[in-house]
Amino acid sequence: MGKKAVLGAVAGGLAAGALAFAMAFAGPAAAQTGGQAVAVGQAVLAGQATAADRPAYCDHVDKALDKRQRVVQRLEADAGTRGSIAWLKDKAAAATADGNSELATLYTDRSALRSQVLDPLKTIVADLTAVQQAHCN
């Protein structure tokens, strides 16, 4: 679980960076603007965009952004939400109170790992949001 979460966060960051890189250099050649000239980095105004103007990768960006926002929301939730950092810390405290130090260590290590993944995941969400606002609205 730990390796999968870290690798997922890193892969998501690489995907967001690759999308941002591709958009910076693809510019007018790949833009579907309906005959309008668009400079590199210039986004079509949201009121003027149609389904034909929206690049094909925007569906992927929307899906990835939604998934990562839900993970961040779950990790930052209170102790009543299963899988959150607070929930793991609460379980570790309960295991310590019951005298099960091995289980308490397991929960503590999991919460520490998820805490380390949270900041890079927030960066990925911010990057995907920026790509979405610049090219997909």
Protein backbone atom coordinates (compact mmCIF):
# COMPACT_ATOMS: atom_id res chain seq x y z
CA MET A 1 0.00 0.00 0.00
CA GLY A 2 2.77 2.42 0.90
CA LYS A 3 4.82 1.93 -2.24
CA LYS A 4 1.70 2.08 -4.38
CA ALA A 5 0.64 5.41 -2.85
CA VAL A 6 4.08 6.98 -3.32
CA LEU A 7 4.41 5.67 -6.86
CA GLY A 8 0.91 6.88 -7.69
CA ALA A 9 1.72 10.36 -6.40
CA VAL A 10 5.00 10.48 -8.31
CA ALA A 11 3.38 9.17 -11.50
CA GLY A 12 0.60 11.72 -11.21
CA GLY A 13 3.15 14.50 -10.83
CA LEU A 14 5.04 13.30 -13.86
CA ALA A 15 1.81 13.13 -15.86
CA ALA A 16 0.85 16.67 -14.85
CA GLY A 17 4.32 17.93 -15.73
CA ALA A 18 4.23 16.15 -19.08
CA LEU A 19 0.86 17.68 -19.89
CA ALA A 20 2.09 21.14 -18.96
CA PHE A 21 5.24 20.62 -21.06
CA ALA A 22 3.24 19.36 -24.02
CA MET A 23 0.92 22.34 -23.88
CA ALA A 24 3.77 24.80 -23.70
CA PHE A 25 5.32 23.49 -26.89
CA ALA A 26 2.30 22.19 -28.81
CA GLY A 27 0.68 25.63 -28.95
CA PRO A 28 -1.11 26.63 -32.12
CA ALA A 29 -0.23 23.52 -34.12
CA ALA A 30 -2.31 21.25 -31.90
CA ALA A 31 -4.96 23.75 -30.80
CA GLN A 32 -8.46 23.13 -32.07
CA THR A 33 -9.64 26.72 -32.16
CA GLY A 34 -12.14 26.76 -34.97
CA GLY A 35 -10.00 28.94 -37.26
CA GLN A 36 -8.92 31.46 -34.61
CA ALA A 37 -5.22 32.22 -34.21
CA VAL A 38 -3.97 31.39 -30.73
CA ALA A 39 -0.53 32.24 -29.37
CA VAL A 40 1.44 29.69 -27.35
CA GLY A 41 0.14 29.60 -23.79
CA GLN A 42 -3.01 31.61 -24.59
CA ALA A 43 -6.21 29.91 -23.52
CA VAL A 44 -9.54 30.17 -25.29
CA LEU A 45 -11.97 32.16 -23.17
CA ALA A 46 -14.40 29.97 -21.24
CA GLY A 47 -17.44 31.70 -22.75
CA GLN A 48 -16.20 31.04 -26.30
CA ALA A 49 -15.02 27.46 -25.86
CA THR A 50 -17.10 24.68 -27.36
CA ALA A 51 -16.75 20.93 -27.25
CA ALA A 52 -14.82 21.05 -30.52
CA ASP A 53 -12.37 23.59 -29.04
CA ARG A 54 -11.62 21.44 -26.01
CA PRO A 55 -8.43 19.35 -26.45
CA ALA A 56 -8.81 15.58 -26.22
CA TYR A 57 -6.57 15.23 -23.17
CA CYS A 58 -8.89 17.39 -21.04
CA ASP A 59 -11.07 14.40 -20.17
CA HIS A 60 -7.99 12.67 -18.77
CA VAL A 61 -7.01 15.79 -16.82
CA ASP A 62 -10.53 16.07 -15.38
CA LYS A 63 -10.54 12.42 -14.30
CA ALA A 64 -7.05 12.58 -12.77
CA LEU A 65 -7.84 15.82 -10.96
CA ASP A 66 -11.08 14.46 -9.52
CA LYS A 67 -9.37 11.29 -8.30
CA ARG A 68 -6.51 13.13 -6.63
CA GLN A 69 -8.82 15.70 -5.03
CA ARG A 70 -10.83 12.87 -3.47
CA VAL A 71 -7.62 11.28 -2.09
CA VAL A 72 -6.48 14.60 -0.57
CA GLN A 73 -9.94 15.11 0.92
CA ARG A 74 -9.88 11.62 2.45
CA LEU A 75 -6.37 12.00 3.87
CA GLU A 76 -7.21 15.34 5.47
CA ALA A 77 -10.55 14.16 6.90
CA ASP A 78 -11.30 13.74 10.59
CA ALA A 79 -10.87 10.58 12.68
CA GLY A 80 -14.33 9.36 11.65
CA THR A 81 -13.25 8.86 8.02
CA ARG A 82 -11.70 5.48 7.36
CA GLY A 83 -8.23 5.79 5.82
CA SER A 84 -7.56 9.37 6.90
CA ILE A 85 -4.37 10.32 8.70
CA ALA A 86 -6.34 11.25 11.81
CA TRP A 87 -8.14 7.88 11.68
CA LEU A 88 -4.81 6.04 11.60
CA LYS A 89 -3.46 8.07 14.51
CA ASP A 90 -6.63 7.32 16.47
CA LYS A 91 -6.26 3.59 15.71
CA ALA A 92 -2.61 3.74 16.82
CA ALA A 93 -3.63 5.35 20.11
CA ALA A 94 -6.29 2.69 20.66
CA ALA A 95 -3.80 -0.10 19.90
CA THR A 96 -1.32 1.43 22.34
CA ALA A 97 -4.01 1.62 25.01
CA ASP A 98 -4.81 -2.06 24.41
CA GLY A 99 -1.12 -2.95 24.79
CA ASN A 100 -0.59 -4.01 21.16
CA SER A 101 2.60 -2.12 20.35
CA GLU A 102 3.18 -3.88 17.01
CA LEU A 103 -0.22 -2.82 15.68
CA ALA A 104 0.30 0.69 17.06
CA THR A 105 3.65 0.88 15.23
CA LEU A 106 1.99 -0.29 12.01
CA TYR A 107 -0.71 2.40 12.24
CA THR A 108 1.85 5.06 13.15
CA ASP A 109 4.06 4.14 10.20
CA ARG A 110 1.09 4.22 7.83
CA SER A 111 0.02 7.64 9.07
CA ALA A 112 3.59 8.93 8.68
CA LEU A 113 3.76 7.63 5.11
CA ARG A 114 0.42 9.20 4.21
CA SER A 115 1.54 12.47 5.77
CA GLN A 116 4.64 12.42 3.54
CA VAL A 117 2.53 11.75 0.44
CA LEU A 118 0.04 14.53 1.20
CA ASP A 119 2.23 17.53 0.24
CA PRO A 120 3.37 16.14 -3.15
CA LEU A 121 -0.22 15.15 -3.83
CA LYS A 122 -1.38 18.71 -3.14
CA THR A 123 1.26 19.95 -5.59
CA ILE A 124 -0.06 17.56 -8.23
CA VAL A 125 -3.61 18.79 -7.65
CA ALA A 126 -2.43 22.39 -8.04
CA ASP A 127 -0.58 21.53 -11.28
CA LEU A 128 -3.56 19.68 -12.74
CA THR A 129 -5.86 22.55 -11.76
CA ALA A 130 -3.57 25.01 -13.53
CA VAL A 131 -3.51 22.87 -16.69
CA GLN A 132 -7.28 22.49 -16.55
CA GLN A 133 -7.90 26.23 -16.14
CA ALA A 134 -5.41 27.19 -18.83
CA HIS A 135 -6.48 24.73 -21.52
CA CYS A 136 -9.69 22.90 -20.69
CA ASN A 137 -12.27 25.52 -19.69
